Amino acid sequence: MKRIMFILICLASVVGCGVSEDAAVVEARNEGRKAAFNVLRCYGGEDFVLESSVLDARIKQLSYLEAGDTACAKAFDEEFRQYIIDNNDRLAKELF
């Protein structure tokens, strides 16, 4: 019986780790969408404001990489790109 409890606890902890990792990826996607929204909001205004918002997005992505979280960095980048592609073809062609 103790052996079964131990196995169940181990399985629960492994599943719990997977859930938090998935939540981190979801949060990274949300951050990518927010960053893209900010870039689109700045588009058409002063160039330095647009450049600053793009740099802010890049810094956020790099923070995931520095933390060793390539899944979150990838999720952030994918969402950032897709949001801009979906909402502004002209800017997407300029950036990508």
PDB file of N, CA and C in Angstrom:
ATOM      1  N   MET A   1       0.820  -1.195   0.000  1.00  0.00           N
ATOM      2  CA  MET A   1       0.000   0.000   0.000  1.00  0.00           C
ATOM      3  C   MET A   1       0.867   1.263   0.000  1.00  0.00           C
ATOM      4  N   LYS A   2       1.918   1.257   0.835  1.00  0.00           N
ATOM      5  CA  LYS A   2       2.812   2.413   0.871  1.00  0.00           C
ATOM      6  C   LYS A   2       3.480   2.625  -0.486  1.00  0.00           C
ATOM      7  N   ARG A   3       3.796   1.523  -1.116  1.00  0.00           N
ATOM      8  CA  ARG A   3       4.441   1.598  -2.432  1.00  0.00           C
ATOM      9  C   ARG A   3       3.510   2.255  -3.456  1.00  0.00           C
ATOM     10  N   ILE A   4       2.239   1.914  -3.424  1.00  0.00           N
ATOM     11  CA  ILE A   4       1.254   2.491  -4.346  1.00  0.00           C
ATOM     12  C   ILE A   4       1.093   3.987  -4.076  1.00  0.00           C
ATOM     13  N   MET A   5       1.044   4.367  -2.805  1.00  0.00           N
ATOM     14  CA  MET A   5       0.933   5.794  -2.459  1.00  0.00           C
ATOM     15  C   MET A   5       2.147   6.565  -2.972  1.00  0.00           C
ATOM     16  N   PHE A   6       3.317   5.982  -2.802  1.00  0.00           N
ATOM     17  CA  PHE A   6       4.543   6.634  -3.270  1.00  0.00           C
ATOM     18  C   PHE A   6       4.492   6.855  -4.779  1.00  0.00           C
ATOM     19  N   ILE A   7       4.070   5.842  -5.504  1.00  0.00           N
ATOM     20  CA  ILE A   7       3.977   5.941  -6.969  1.00  0.00           C
ATOM     21  C   ILE A   7       2.960   7.004  -7.369  1.00  0.00           C
ATOM     22  N   LEU A   8       1.816   7.034  -6.686  1.00  0.00           N
ATOM     23  CA  LEU A   8       0.796   8.032  -6.995  1.00  0.00           C
ATOM     24  C   LEU A   8       1.286   9.448  -6.722  1.00  0.00           C
ATOM     25  N   ILE A   9       2.008   9.623  -5.627  1.00  0.00           N
ATOM     26  CA  ILE A   9       2.559  10.946  -5.307  1.00  0.00           C
ATOM     27  C   ILE A   9       3.578  11.365  -6.367  1.00  0.00           C
ATOM     28  N   CYS A  10       4.421  10.444  -6.785  1.00  0.00           N
ATOM     29  CA  CYS A  10       5.403  10.753  -7.834  1.00  0.00           C
ATOM     30  C   CYS A  10       4.714  11.135  -9.138  1.00  0.00           C
ATOM     31  N   LEU A  11       3.693  10.382  -9.507  1.00  0.00           N
ATOM     32  CA  LEU A  11       2.959  10.701 -10.732  1.00  0.00           C
ATOM     33  C   LEU A  11       2.276  12.059 -10.639  1.00  0.00           C
ATOM     34  N   ALA A  12       1.705  12.364  -9.487  1.00  0.00           N
ATOM     35  CA  ALA A  12       1.034  13.650  -9.301  1.00  0.00           C
ATOM     36  C   ALA A  12       2.023  14.801  -9.413  1.00  0.00           C
ATOM     37  N   SER A  13       3.223  14.626  -8.879  1.00  0.00           N
ATOM     38  CA  SER A  13       4.210  15.705  -8.964  1.00  0.00           C
ATOM     39  C   SER A  13       4.683  15.900 -10.396  1.00  0.00           C
ATOM     40  N   VAL A  14       4.822  14.828 -11.155  1.00  0.00           N
ATOM     41  CA  VAL A  14       5.221  14.946 -12.561  1.00  0.00           C
ATOM     42  C   VAL A  14       4.131  15.648 -13.360  1.00  0.00           C
ATOM     43  N   VAL A  15       2.888  15.277 -13.145  1.00  0.00           N
ATOM     44  CA  VAL A  15       1.775  15.917 -13.836  1.00  0.00           C
ATOM     45  C   VAL A  15       1.696  17.386 -13.438  1.00  0.00           C
ATOM     46  N   GLY A  16       1.900  17.688 -12.181  1.00  0.00           N
ATOM     47  CA  GLY A  16       1.879  19.069 -11.709  1.00  0.00           C
ATOM     48  C   GLY A  16       2.937  19.914 -12.378  1.00  0.00           C
ATOM     49  N   CYS A  17       4.115  19.360 -12.587  1.00  0.00           N
ATOM     50  CA  CYS A  17       5.175  20.106 -13.274  1.00  0.00           C
ATOM     51  C   CYS A  17       4.776  20.408 -14.710  1.00  0.00           C
ATOM     52  N   GLY A  18       4.143  19.457 -15.372  1.00  0.00           N
ATOM     53  CA  GLY A  18       3.712  19.681 -16.744  1.00  0.00           C
ATOM     54  C   GLY A  18       2.674  20.778 -16.846  1.00  0.00           C
ATOM     55  N   VAL A  19       1.782  20.847 -15.878  1.00  0.00           N
ATOM     56  CA  VAL A  19       0.742  21.868 -15.905  1.00  0.00           C
ATOM     57  C   VAL A  19       1.362  23.255 -15.759  1.00  0.00           C
ATOM     58  N   SER A  20       2.298  23.424 -14.827  1.00  0.00           N
ATOM     59  CA  SER A  20       2.898  24.742 -14.638  1.00  0.00           C
ATOM     60  C   SER A  20       3.716  25.141 -15.855  1.00  0.00           C
ATOM     61  N   GLU A  21       4.339  24.179 -16.506  1.00  0.00           N
ATOM     62  CA  GLU A  21       5.097  24.494 -17.708  1.00  0.00           C
ATOM     63  C   GLU A  21       4.153  24.962 -18.813  1.00  0.00           C
ATOM     64  N   ASP A  22       3.035  24.288 -18.966  1.00  0.00           N
ATOM     65  CA  ASP A  22       2.055  24.704 -19.964  1.00  0.00           C
ATOM     66  C   ASP A  22       1.513  26.100 -19.651  1.00  0.00           C
ATOM     67  N   ALA A  23       1.307  26.380 -18.387  1.00  0.00           N
ATOM     68  CA  ALA A  23       0.822  27.702 -17.987  1.00  0.00           C
ATOM     69  C   ALA A  23       1.843  28.772 -18.340  1.00  0.00           C
ATOM     70  N   ALA A  24       3.117  28.457 -18.198  1.00  0.00           N
ATOM     71  CA  ALA A  24       4.176  29.410 -18.545  1.00  0.00           C
ATOM     72  C   ALA A  24       4.170  29.695 -20.041  1.00  0.00           C
ATOM     73  N   VAL A  25       3.932  28.684 -20.848  1.00  0.00           N
ATOM     74  CA  VAL A  25       3.875  28.864 -22.304  1.00  0.00           C
ATOM     75  C   VAL A  25       2.661  29.708 -22.681  1.00  0.00           C
ATOM     76  N   VAL A  26       1.538  29.449 -22.026  1.00  0.00           N
ATOM     77  CA  VAL A  26       0.330  30.253 -22.279  1.00  0.00           C
ATOM     78  C   VAL A  26       0.587  31.708 -21.914  1.00  0.00           C
ATOM     79  N   GLU A  27       1.241  31.938 -20.792  1.00  0.00           N
ATOM     80  CA  GLU A  27       1.567  33.299 -20.376  1.00  0.00           C
ATOM     81  C   GLU A  27       2.525  33.960 -21.369  1.00  0.00           C
ATOM     82  N   ALA A  28       3.475  33.203 -21.889  1.00  0.00           N
ATOM     83  CA  ALA A  28       4.411  33.747 -22.885  1.00  0.00           C
ATOM     84  C   ALA A  28       3.659  34.138 -24.161  1.00  0.00           C
ATOM     85  N   ARG A  29       2.699  33.320 -24.556  1.00  0.00           N
ATOM     86  CA  ARG A  29       1.878  33.667 -25.728  1.00  0.00           C
ATOM     87  C   ARG A  29       1.104  34.965 -25.483  1.00  0.00           C
ATOM     88  N   ASN A  30       0.541  35.086 -24.300  1.00  0.00           N
ATOM     89  CA  ASN A  30      -0.188  36.316 -23.956  1.00  0.00           C
ATOM     90  C   ASN A  30       0.744  37.525 -23.993  1.00  0.00           C
ATOM     91  N   GLU A  31       1.948  37.361 -23.483  1.00  0.00           N
ATOM     92  CA  GLU A  31       2.930  38.454 -23.505  1.00  0.00           C
ATOM     93  C   GLU A  31       3.319  38.802 -24.943  1.00  0.00           C
ATOM     94  N   GLY A  32       3.431  37.806 -25.798  1.00  0.00           N
ATOM     95  CA  GLY A  32       3.730  38.053 -27.205  1.00  0.00           C
ATOM     96  C   GLY A  32       2.635  38.837 -27.897  1.00  0.00           C
ATOM     97  N   ARG A  33       1.406  38.481 -27.566  1.00  0.00           N
ATOM     98  CA  ARG A  33       0.249  39.194 -28.133  1.00  0.00           C
ATOM     99  C   ARG A  33       0.222  40.643 -27.641  1.00  0.00           C
ATOM    100  N   LYS A  34       0.478  40.853 -26.351  1.00  0.00           N
ATOM    101  CA  LYS A  34       0.499  42.213 -25.795  1.00  0.00           C
ATOM    102  C   LYS A  34       1.605  43.048 -26.436  1.00  0.00           C
ATOM    103  N   ALA A  35       2.773  42.433 -26.605  1.00  0.00           N
ATOM    104  CA  ALA A  35       3.893  43.156 -27.210  1.00  0.00           C
ATOM    105  C   ALA A  35       3.575  43.536 -28.655  1.00  0.00           C
ATOM    106  N   ALA A  36       2.951  42.630 -29.386  1.00  0.00           N
ATOM    107  CA  ALA A  36       2.582  42.919 -30.774  1.00  0.00           C
ATOM    108  C   ALA A  36       1.528  44.026 -30.823  1.00  0.00           C
ATOM    109  N   PHE A  37       0.584  43.981 -29.912  1.00  0.00           N
ATOM    110  CA  PHE A  37      -0.432  45.028 -29.841  1.00  0.00           C
ATOM    111  C   PHE A  37       0.232  46.391 -29.628  1.00  0.00           C
ATOM    112  N   ASN A  38       1.196  46.447 -28.722  1.00  0.00           N
ATOM    113  CA  ASN A  38       1.906  47.703 -28.463  1.00  0.00           C
ATOM    114  C   ASN A  38       2.666  48.191 -29.686  1.00  0.00           C
ATOM    115  N   VAL A  39       3.269  47.265 -30.421  1.00  0.00           N
ATOM    116  CA  VAL A  39       3.974  47.641 -31.648  1.00  0.00           C
ATOM    117  C   VAL A  39       2.984  48.213 -32.665  1.00  0.00           C
ATOM    118  N   LEU A  40       1.857  47.544 -32.836  1.00  0.00           N
ATOM    119  CA  LEU A  40       0.853  48.027 -33.796  1.00  0.00           C
ATOM    120  C   LEU A  40       0.300  49.389 -33.392  1.00  0.00           C
ATOM    121  N   ARG A  41       0.167  49.598 -32.103  1.00  0.00           N
ATOM    122  CA  ARG A  41      -0.333  50.874 -31.603  1.00  0.00           C
ATOM    123  C   ARG A  41       0.638  52.007 -31.949  1.00  0.00           C
ATOM    124  N   CYS A  42       1.923  51.703 -31.988  1.00  0.00           N
ATOM    125  CA  CYS A  42       2.943  52.721 -32.271  1.00  0.00           C
ATOM    126  C   CYS A  42       3.189  52.914 -33.767  1.00  0.00           C
ATOM    127  N   TYR A  43       2.716  51.984 -34.584  1.00  0.00           N
ATOM    128  CA  TYR A  43       2.963  52.052 -36.017  1.00  0.00           C
ATOM    129  C   TYR A  43       2.246  53.255 -36.627  1.00  0.00           C
ATOM    130  N   GLY A  44       2.958  53.974 -37.462  1.00  0.00           N
ATOM    131  CA  GLY A  44       2.384  55.146 -38.111  1.00  0.00           C
ATOM    132  C   GLY A  44       2.728  56.438 -37.401  1.00  0.00           C
ATOM    133  N   GLY A  45       3.321  56.329 -36.243  1.00  0.00           N
ATOM    134  CA  GLY A  45       3.737  57.517 -35.500  1.00  0.00           C
ATOM    135  C   GLY A  45       5.227  57.757 -35.696  1.00  0.00           C
ATOM    136  N   GLU A  46       5.851  58.233 -34.666  1.00  0.00           N
ATOM    137  CA  GLU A  46       7.283  58.489 -34.708  1.00  0.00           C
ATOM    138  C   GLU A  46       8.049  57.169 -34.817  1.00  0.00           C
ATOM    139  N   ASP A  47       9.061  57.169 -35.679  1.00  0.00           N
ATOM    140  CA  ASP A  47       9.847  55.957 -35.880  1.00  0.00           C
ATOM    141  C   ASP A  47      10.525  55.482 -34.605  1.00  0.00           C
ATOM    142  N   PHE A  48      11.044  56.412 -33.809  1.00  0.00           N
ATOM    143  CA  PHE A  48      11.754  55.996 -32.603  1.00  0.00           C
ATOM    144  C   PHE A  48      10.829  55.325 -31.595  1.00  0.00           C
ATOM    145  N   VAL A  49       9.559  55.688 -31.586  1.00  0.00           N
ATOM    146  CA  VAL A  49       8.596  55.055 -30.678  1.00  0.00           C
ATOM    147  C   VAL A  49       8.328  53.627 -31.144  1.00  0.00           C
ATOM    148  N   LEU A  50       8.179  53.453 -32.449  1.00  0.00           N
ATOM    149  CA  LEU A  50       7.991  52.117 -33.009  1.00  0.00           C
ATOM    150  C   LEU A  50       9.212  51.252 -32.729  1.00  0.00           C
ATOM    151  N   GLU A  51      10.396  51.796 -32.973  1.00  0.00           N
ATOM    152  CA  GLU A  51      11.624  51.044 -32.726  1.00  0.00           C
ATOM    153  C   GLU A  51      11.742  50.657 -31.256  1.00  0.00           C
ATOM    154  N   SER A  52      11.367  51.557 -30.383  1.00  0.00           N
ATOM    155  CA  SER A  52      11.416  51.281 -28.948  1.00  0.00           C
ATOM    156  C   SER A  52      10.470  50.141 -28.576  1.00  0.00           C
ATOM    157  N   SER A  53       9.279  50.127 -29.149  1.00  0.00           N
ATOM    158  CA  SER A  53       8.326  49.064 -28.826  1.00  0.00           C
ATOM    159  C   SER A  53       8.788  47.717 -29.367  1.00  0.00           C
ATOM    160  N   VAL A  54       9.432  47.723 -30.544  1.00  0.00           N
ATOM    161  CA  VAL A  54       9.982  46.485 -31.100  1.00  0.00           C
ATOM    162  C   VAL A  54      11.131  45.990 -30.212  1.00  0.00           C
ATOM    163  N   LEU A  55      11.976  46.905 -29.763  1.00  0.00           N
ATOM    164  CA  LEU A  55      13.075  46.522 -28.872  1.00  0.00           C
ATOM    165  C   LEU A  55      12.554  45.981 -27.546  1.00  0.00           C
ATOM    166  N   ASP A  56      11.499  46.572 -27.019  1.00  0.00           N
ATOM    167  CA  ASP A  56      10.899  46.064 -25.781  1.00  0.00           C
ATOM    168  C   ASP A  56      10.436  44.616 -25.953  1.00  0.00           C
ATOM    169  N   ALA A  57       9.831  44.333 -27.110  1.00  0.00           N
ATOM    170  CA  ALA A  57       9.377  42.967 -27.393  1.00  0.00           C
ATOM    171  C   ALA A  57      10.575  42.014 -27.476  1.00  0.00           C
ATOM    172  N   ARG A  58      11.621  42.449 -28.118  1.00  0.00           N
ATOM    173  CA  ARG A  58      12.816  41.615 -28.253  1.00  0.00           C
ATOM    174  C   ARG A  58      13.455  41.354 -26.882  1.00  0.00           C
ATOM    175  N   ILE A  59      13.482  42.360 -26.045  1.00  0.00           N
ATOM    176  CA  ILE A  59      14.028  42.196 -24.699  1.00  0.00           C
ATOM    177  C   ILE A  59      13.222  41.163 -23.918  1.00  0.00           C
ATOM    178  N   LYS A  60      11.909  41.217 -24.060  1.00  0.00           N
ATOM    179  CA  LYS A  60      11.049  40.247 -23.367  1.00  0.00           C
ATOM    180  C   LYS A  60      11.356  38.837 -23.855  1.00  0.00           C
ATOM    181  N   GLN A  61      11.499  38.658 -25.155  1.00  0.00           N
ATOM    182  CA  GLN A  61      11.811  37.342 -25.696  1.00  0.00           C
ATOM    183  C   GLN A  61      13.174  36.872 -25.190  1.00  0.00           C
ATOM    184  N   LEU A  62      14.142  37.769 -25.181  1.00  0.00           N
ATOM    185  CA  LEU A  62      15.474  37.402 -24.712  1.00  0.00           C
ATOM    186  C   LEU A  62      15.486  37.041 -23.231  1.00  0.00           C
ATOM    187  N   SER A  63      14.582  37.639 -22.469  1.00  0.00           N
ATOM    188  CA  SER A  63      14.515  37.291 -21.041  1.00  0.00           C
ATOM    189  C   SER A  63      14.126  35.824 -20.854  1.00  0.00           C
ATOM    190  N   TYR A  64      13.261  35.315 -21.739  1.00  0.00           N
ATOM    191  CA  TYR A  64      12.923  33.886 -21.687  1.00  0.00           C
ATOM    192  C   TYR A  64      14.150  33.039 -22.043  1.00  0.00           C
ATOM    193  N   LEU A  65      14.882  33.454 -23.053  1.00  0.00           N
ATOM    194  CA  LEU A  65      16.070  32.702 -23.457  1.00  0.00           C
ATOM    195  C   LEU A  65      17.134  32.721 -22.373  1.00  0.00           C
ATOM    196  N   GLU A  66      17.337  33.870 -21.745  1.00  0.00           N
ATOM    197  CA  GLU A  66      18.321  33.959 -20.668  1.00  0.00           C
ATOM    198  C   GLU A  66      17.959  33.058 -19.498  1.00  0.00           C
ATOM    199  N   ALA A  67      16.666  32.875 -19.279  1.00  0.00           N
ATOM    200  CA  ALA A  67      16.206  31.991 -18.208  1.00  0.00           C
ATOM    201  C   ALA A  67      16.281  30.524 -18.634  1.00  0.00           C
ATOM    202  N   GLY A  68      16.672  30.280 -19.887  1.00  0.00           N
ATOM    203  CA  GLY A  68      16.769  28.911 -20.382  1.00  0.00           C
ATOM    204  C   GLY A  68      15.445  28.312 -20.804  1.00  0.00           C
ATOM    205  N   ASP A  69      14.453  29.139 -20.974  1.00  0.00           N
ATOM    206  CA  ASP A  69      13.110  28.663 -21.318  1.00  0.00           C
ATOM    207  C   ASP A  69      12.855  28.859 -22.810  1.00  0.00           C
ATOM    208  N   THR A  70      13.370  27.942 -23.599  1.00  0.00           N
ATOM    209  CA  THR A  70      13.235  28.066 -25.052  1.00  0.00           C
ATOM    210  C   THR A  70      11.790  27.875 -25.512  1.00  0.00           C
ATOM    211  N   ALA A  71      11.026  27.074 -24.781  1.00  0.00           N
ATOM    212  CA  ALA A  71       9.611  26.868 -25.159  1.00  0.00           C
ATOM    213  C   ALA A  71       8.837  28.171 -25.035  1.00  0.00           C
ATOM    214  N   CYS A  72       9.072  28.916 -23.973  1.00  0.00           N
ATOM    215  CA  CYS A  72       8.384  30.193 -23.789  1.00  0.00           C
ATOM    216  C   CYS A  72       8.881  31.226 -24.793  1.00  0.00           C
ATOM    217  N   ALA A  73      10.174  31.230 -25.074  1.00  0.00           N
ATOM    218  CA  ALA A  73      10.712  32.170 -26.062  1.00  0.00           C
ATOM    219  C   ALA A  73      10.102  31.900 -27.432  1.00  0.00           C
ATOM    220  N   LYS A  74       9.983  30.638 -27.779  1.00  0.00           N
ATOM    221  CA  LYS A  74       9.387  30.263 -29.065  1.00  0.00           C
ATOM    222  C   LYS A  74       7.904  30.642 -29.114  1.00  0.00           C
ATOM    223  N   ALA A  75       7.194  30.371 -28.019  1.00  0.00           N
ATOM    224  CA  ALA A  75       5.762  30.701 -27.956  1.00  0.00           C
ATOM    225  C   ALA A  75       5.557  32.205 -28.064  1.00  0.00           C
ATOM    226  N   PHE A  76       6.375  32.976 -27.368  1.00  0.00           N
ATOM    227  CA  PHE A  76       6.298  34.436 -27.429  1.00  0.00           C
ATOM    228  C   PHE A  76       6.507  34.911 -28.867  1.00  0.00           C
ATOM    229  N   ASP A  77       7.573  34.429 -29.501  1.00  0.00           N
ATOM    230  CA  ASP A  77       7.908  34.859 -30.859  1.00  0.00           C
ATOM    231  C   ASP A  77       6.822  34.480 -31.855  1.00  0.00           C
ATOM    232  N   GLU A  78       6.317  33.262 -31.758  1.00  0.00           N
ATOM    233  CA  GLU A  78       5.263  32.819 -32.678  1.00  0.00           C
ATOM    234  C   GLU A  78       4.015  33.686 -32.555  1.00  0.00           C
ATOM    235  N   GLU A  79       3.619  33.948 -31.332  1.00  0.00           N
ATOM    236  CA  GLU A  79       2.413  34.745 -31.114  1.00  0.00           C
ATOM    237  C   GLU A  79       2.620  36.193 -31.552  1.00  0.00           C
ATOM    238  N   PHE A  80       3.788  36.734 -31.253  1.00  0.00           N
ATOM    239  CA  PHE A  80       4.121  38.099 -31.659  1.00  0.00           C
ATOM    240  C   PHE A  80       4.029  38.242 -33.181  1.00  0.00           C
ATOM    241  N   ARG A  81       4.690  37.351 -33.877  1.00  0.00           N
ATOM    242  CA  ARG A  81       4.687  37.397 -35.350  1.00  0.00           C
ATOM    243  C   ARG A  81       3.282  37.213 -35.920  1.00  0.00           C
ATOM    244  N   GLN A  82       2.578  36.208 -35.403  1.00  0.00           N
ATOM    245  CA  GLN A  82       1.256  35.901 -35.954  1.00  0.00           C
ATOM    246  C   GLN A  82       0.278  37.047 -35.731  1.00  0.00           C
ATOM    247  N   TYR A  83       0.344  37.678 -34.576  1.00  0.00           N
ATOM    248  CA  TYR A  83      -0.558  38.792 -34.285  1.00  0.00           C
ATOM    249  C   TYR A  83      -0.313  39.942 -35.259  1.00  0.00           C
ATOM    250  N   ILE A  84       0.936  40.244 -35.521  1.00  0.00           N
ATOM    251  CA  ILE A  84       1.249  41.335 -36.461  1.00  0.00           C
ATOM    252  C   ILE A  84       0.853  40.952 -37.877  1.00  0.00           C
ATOM    253  N   ILE A  85       1.128  39.720 -38.275  1.00  0.00           N
ATOM    254  CA  ILE A  85       0.751  39.253 -39.614  1.00  0.00           C
ATOM    255  C   ILE A  85      -0.766  39.334 -39.793  1.00  0.00           C
ATOM    256  N   ASP A  86      -1.504  38.912 -38.785  1.00  0.00           N
ATOM    257  CA  ASP A  86      -2.970  38.902 -38.863  1.00  0.00           C
ATOM    258  C   ASP A  86      -3.577  40.307 -38.880  1.00  0.00           C
ATOM    259  N   ASN A  87      -2.890  41.274 -38.276  1.00  0.00           N
ATOM    260  CA  ASN A  87      -3.491  42.585 -38.089  1.00  0.00           C
ATOM    261  C   ASN A  87      -2.908  43.717 -38.918  1.00  0.00           C
ATOM    262  N   ASN A  88      -1.735  43.517 -39.520  1.00  0.00           N
ATOM    263  CA  ASN A  88      -1.149  44.590 -40.320  1.00  0.00           C
ATOM    264  C   ASN A  88      -0.141  44.010 -41.314  1.00  0.00           C
ATOM    265  N   ASP A  89      -0.621  43.717 -42.520  1.00  0.00           N
ATOM    266  CA  ASP A  89       0.250  43.124 -43.547  1.00  0.00           C
ATOM    267  C   ASP A  89       1.447  44.007 -43.871  1.00  0.00           C
ATOM    268  N   ARG A  90       1.208  45.272 -43.940  1.00  0.00           N
ATOM    269  CA  ARG A  90       2.282  46.208 -44.319  1.00  0.00           C
ATOM    270  C   ARG A  90       3.428  46.179 -43.301  1.00  0.00           C
ATOM    271  N   LEU A  91       3.093  46.263 -42.031  1.00  0.00           N
ATOM    272  CA  LEU A  91       4.114  46.215 -40.992  1.00  0.00           C
ATOM    273  C   LEU A  91       4.782  44.833 -40.961  1.00  0.00           C
ATOM    274  N   ALA A  92       4.002  43.793 -41.149  1.00  0.00           N
ATOM    275  CA  ALA A  92       4.571  42.448 -41.163  1.00  0.00           C
ATOM    276  C   ALA A  92       5.627  42.307 -42.251  1.00  0.00           C
ATOM    277  N   LYS A  93       5.363  42.885 -43.433  1.00  0.00           N
ATOM    278  CA  LYS A  93       6.346  42.833 -44.516  1.00  0.00           C
ATOM    279  C   LYS A  93       7.603  43.615 -44.166  1.00  0.00           C
ATOM    280  N   GLU A  94       7.438  44.726 -43.418  1.00  0.00           N
ATOM    281  CA  GLU A  94       8.593  45.514 -43.027  1.00  0.00           C
ATOM    282  C   GLU A  94       9.425  44.804 -41.962  1.00  0.00           C
ATOM    283  N   LEU A  95       8.755  44.153 -41.026  1.00  0.00           N
ATOM    284  CA  LEU A  95       9.474  43.520 -39.917  1.00  0.00           C
ATOM    285  C   LEU A  95      10.021  42.139 -40.238  1.00  0.00           C
ATOM    286  N   PHE A  96       9.262  41.375 -41.013  1.00  0.00           N
ATOM    287  CA  PHE A  96       9.632  39.983 -41.228  1.00  0.00           C
ATOM    288  C   PHE A  96       9.974  39.713 -42.674  1.00  0.00           C
TER     289      PHE A  96
END
